[in-house]
Amino acid sequence: MRCHTALRRETVGPSGLVQGSRAESAGEIPANKDAADDEWVQSVPYMKSASDLLNSGETKFSDVPYYLPGYANVQKSVEPLIQKVMAKQMTAQERLDKWASLLEQEKAAQ
């Protein structure tokens, strides 16, 4: 989207996110990479950390399969297993394997 020159780094993306000084006034992390380099982002430790993570090529976002009809049931089944992992009654790998198995079963049922 083209912006007025006075709004140099204040762009509106397809989702309607406003960047630049408007993000600063709202306390939001700018998704625009140019705005992420602004001094106000770089000088606030939590903003800098969040911006660095957001813009890192190593950051991976989850592709949660909300489209699966039984996804909520899968989540309900595996959430209590977090407590088992924390109580050392199950390994993290066992929990992840169980979660993957349930998701695979749900995908196959479609």
C-alpha atoms as a PDB file:
ATOM      1  CA  MET A   1       0.000   0.000   0.000  1.00  0.00           C
ATOM      2  CA  ARG A   2       1.356   3.447  -0.820  1.00  0.00           C
ATOM      3  CA  CYS A   3       1.719   5.854   2.048  1.00  0.00           C
ATOM      4  CA  HIS A   4       1.930   9.595   2.302  1.00  0.00           C
ATOM      5  CA  THR A   5       5.574  10.686   2.654  1.00  0.00           C
ATOM      6  CA  ALA A   6       4.886  12.026   6.142  1.00  0.00           C
ATOM      7  CA  LEU A   7       4.011   8.471   7.158  1.00  0.00           C
ATOM      8  CA  ARG A   8       7.420   7.188   6.012  1.00  0.00           C
ATOM      9  CA  ARG A   9       7.431   3.990   8.025  1.00  0.00           C
ATOM     10  CA  GLU A  10       3.798   3.813   8.930  1.00  0.00           C
ATOM     11  CA  THR A  11       2.513   1.223   6.527  1.00  0.00           C
ATOM     12  CA  VAL A  12      -0.707  -0.690   6.649  1.00  0.00           C
ATOM     13  CA  GLY A  13      -0.308  -4.319   5.679  1.00  0.00           C
ATOM     14  CA  PRO A  14      -2.911  -6.698   4.310  1.00  0.00           C
ATOM     15  CA  SER A  15      -4.107  -7.543   7.809  1.00  0.00           C
ATOM     16  CA  GLY A  16      -4.443  -3.878   8.741  1.00  0.00           C
ATOM     17  CA  LEU A  17      -1.383  -3.775  10.999  1.00  0.00           C
ATOM     18  CA  VAL A  18      -0.067  -0.273  11.474  1.00  0.00           C
ATOM     19  CA  GLN A  19       3.680   0.074  11.832  1.00  0.00           C
ATOM     20  CA  GLY A  20       6.210   2.746  12.777  1.00  0.00           C
ATOM     21  CA  SER A  21       5.317   5.444  15.261  1.00  0.00           C
ATOM     22  CA  ARG A  22       1.770   4.157  15.556  1.00  0.00           C
ATOM     23  CA  ALA A  23       3.102   0.790  16.713  1.00  0.00           C
ATOM     24  CA  GLU A  24       5.298   2.642  19.175  1.00  0.00           C
ATOM     25  CA  SER A  25       2.387   4.595  20.644  1.00  0.00           C
ATOM     26  CA  ALA A  26       0.348   1.393  20.953  1.00  0.00           C
ATOM     27  CA  GLY A  27       3.257  -0.564  22.470  1.00  0.00           C
ATOM     28  CA  GLU A  28       3.139  -3.122  19.659  1.00  0.00           C
ATOM     29  CA  ILE A  29       6.019  -4.928  18.008  1.00  0.00           C
ATOM     30  CA  PRO A  30       6.265  -3.737  14.415  1.00  0.00           C
ATOM     31  CA  ALA A  31       6.013  -6.502  11.840  1.00  0.00           C
ATOM     32  CA  ASN A  32       7.564  -4.228   9.216  1.00  0.00           C
ATOM     33  CA  LYS A  33      11.302  -5.007   9.059  1.00  0.00           C
ATOM     34  CA  ASP A  34      12.255  -1.384   8.383  1.00  0.00           C
ATOM     35  CA  ALA A  35      10.266  -0.189  11.393  1.00  0.00           C
ATOM     36  CA  ALA A  36      11.876  -2.938  13.511  1.00  0.00           C
ATOM     37  CA  ASP A  37      15.212  -1.150  13.057  1.00  0.00           C
ATOM     38  CA  ASP A  38      13.856   2.072  14.596  1.00  0.00           C
ATOM     39  CA  GLU A  39      15.607   3.331  17.715  1.00  0.00           C
ATOM     40  CA  TRP A  40      12.547   2.923  19.935  1.00  0.00           C
ATOM     41  CA  VAL A  41      12.419  -0.808  19.153  1.00  0.00           C
ATOM     42  CA  GLN A  42      16.156  -1.368  19.497  1.00  0.00           C
ATOM     43  CA  SER A  43      16.457   0.577  22.763  1.00  0.00           C
ATOM     44  CA  VAL A  44      13.766  -1.306  24.712  1.00  0.00           C
ATOM     45  CA  PRO A  45      15.140  -4.753  25.671  1.00  0.00           C
ATOM     46  CA  TYR A  46      11.872  -6.692  25.452  1.00  0.00           C
ATOM     47  CA  MET A  47      10.914  -4.997  22.174  1.00  0.00           C
ATOM     48  CA  LYS A  48      14.341  -5.718  20.688  1.00  0.00           C
ATOM     49  CA  SER A  49      14.195  -9.383  21.780  1.00  0.00           C
ATOM     50  CA  ALA A  50      10.685  -9.842  20.425  1.00  0.00           C
ATOM     51  CA  SER A  51      11.510  -8.056  17.172  1.00  0.00           C
ATOM     52  CA  ASP A  52      14.699 -10.092  16.731  1.00  0.00           C
ATOM     53  CA  LEU A  53      12.740 -13.325  17.230  1.00  0.00           C
ATOM     54  CA  LEU A  54       9.955 -12.237  14.888  1.00  0.00           C
ATOM     55  CA  ASN A  55      12.399 -11.315  12.126  1.00  0.00           C
ATOM     56  CA  SER A  56      14.842 -14.191  12.588  1.00  0.00           C
ATOM     57  CA  GLY A  57      15.143 -16.682   9.778  1.00  0.00           C
ATOM     58  CA  GLU A  58      15.438 -19.372  12.441  1.00  0.00           C
ATOM     59  CA  THR A  59      12.029 -18.611  13.972  1.00  0.00           C
ATOM     60  CA  LYS A  60       9.428 -21.190  13.030  1.00  0.00           C
ATOM     61  CA  PHE A  61       5.728 -20.604  13.469  1.00  0.00           C
ATOM     62  CA  SER A  62       3.457 -23.479  14.330  1.00  0.00           C
ATOM     63  CA  ASP A  63       1.125 -24.730  11.649  1.00  0.00           C
ATOM     64  CA  VAL A  64      -1.690 -25.673  14.005  1.00  0.00           C
ATOM     65  CA  PRO A  65      -4.262 -27.889  12.244  1.00  0.00           C
ATOM     66  CA  TYR A  66      -7.362 -26.107  13.537  1.00  0.00           C
ATOM     67  CA  TYR A  67      -9.118 -27.348  10.405  1.00  0.00           C
ATOM     68  CA  LEU A  68      -9.251 -30.886  11.800  1.00  0.00           C
ATOM     69  CA  PRO A  69     -12.710 -31.542  13.264  1.00  0.00           C
ATOM     70  CA  GLY A  70     -11.254 -33.439  16.243  1.00  0.00           C
ATOM     71  CA  TYR A  71      -8.358 -31.071  16.937  1.00  0.00           C
ATOM     72  CA  ALA A  72      -9.914 -29.803  20.183  1.00  0.00           C
ATOM     73  CA  ASN A  73     -10.249 -33.392  21.414  1.00  0.00           C
ATOM     74  CA  VAL A  74      -6.603 -34.081  20.590  1.00  0.00           C
ATOM     75  CA  GLN A  75      -5.584 -31.026  22.595  1.00  0.00           C
ATOM     76  CA  LYS A  76      -7.756 -32.070  25.539  1.00  0.00           C
ATOM     77  CA  SER A  77      -6.067 -35.471  25.492  1.00  0.00           C
ATOM     78  CA  VAL A  78      -2.488 -34.213  25.469  1.00  0.00           C
ATOM     79  CA  GLU A  79      -2.709 -31.145  27.717  1.00  0.00           C
ATOM     80  CA  PRO A  80      -2.833 -33.232  30.937  1.00  0.00           C
ATOM     81  CA  LEU A  81       0.306 -35.017  29.766  1.00  0.00           C
ATOM     82  CA  ILE A  82       2.267 -31.804  30.361  1.00  0.00           C
ATOM     83  CA  GLN A  83       1.772 -32.400  34.091  1.00  0.00           C
ATOM     84  CA  LYS A  84       3.059 -35.948  33.700  1.00  0.00           C
ATOM     85  CA  VAL A  85       6.192 -34.654  32.008  1.00  0.00           C
ATOM     86  CA  MET A  86       6.708 -32.075  34.751  1.00  0.00           C
ATOM     87  CA  ALA A  87       6.233 -34.782  37.388  1.00  0.00           C
ATOM     88  CA  LYS A  88       8.747 -37.001  35.528  1.00  0.00           C
ATOM     89  CA  GLN A  89       6.082 -39.674  34.998  1.00  0.00           C
ATOM     90  CA  MET A  90       6.559 -39.349  31.230  1.00  0.00           C
ATOM     91  CA  THR A  91       9.352 -37.997  29.045  1.00  0.00           C
ATOM     92  CA  ALA A  92       8.830 -34.984  26.824  1.00  0.00           C
ATOM     93  CA  GLN A  93       9.547 -37.208  23.820  1.00  0.00           C
ATOM     94  CA  GLU A  94       6.818 -39.651  24.892  1.00  0.00           C
ATOM     95  CA  ARG A  95       4.351 -36.774  25.141  1.00  0.00           C
ATOM     96  CA  LEU A  96       5.314 -35.453  21.721  1.00  0.00           C
ATOM     97  CA  ASP A  97       5.051 -38.935  20.226  1.00  0.00           C
ATOM     98  CA  LYS A  98       1.558 -39.349  21.724  1.00  0.00           C
ATOM     99  CA  TRP A  99       0.521 -35.941  20.373  1.00  0.00           C
ATOM    100  CA  ALA A 100       1.873 -36.770  16.900  1.00  0.00           C
ATOM    101  CA  SER A 101       0.104 -40.131  16.941  1.00  0.00           C
ATOM    102  CA  LEU A 102      -3.232 -38.556  17.850  1.00  0.00           C
ATOM    103  CA  LEU A 103      -2.844 -35.891  15.156  1.00  0.00           C
ATOM    104  CA  GLU A 104      -1.966 -38.514  12.555  1.00  0.00           C
ATOM    105  CA  GLN A 105      -5.033 -40.539  13.547  1.00  0.00           C
ATOM    106  CA  GLU A 106      -7.215 -37.435  13.270  1.00  0.00           C
ATOM    107  CA  LYS A 107      -5.807 -36.572   9.831  1.00  0.00           C
ATOM    108  CA  ALA A 108      -6.345 -40.165   8.617  1.00  0.00           C
ATOM    109  CA  ALA A 109      -9.967 -40.043   9.784  1.00  0.00           C
ATOM    110  CA  GLN A 110     -10.749 -37.182   7.410  1.00  0.00           C
END
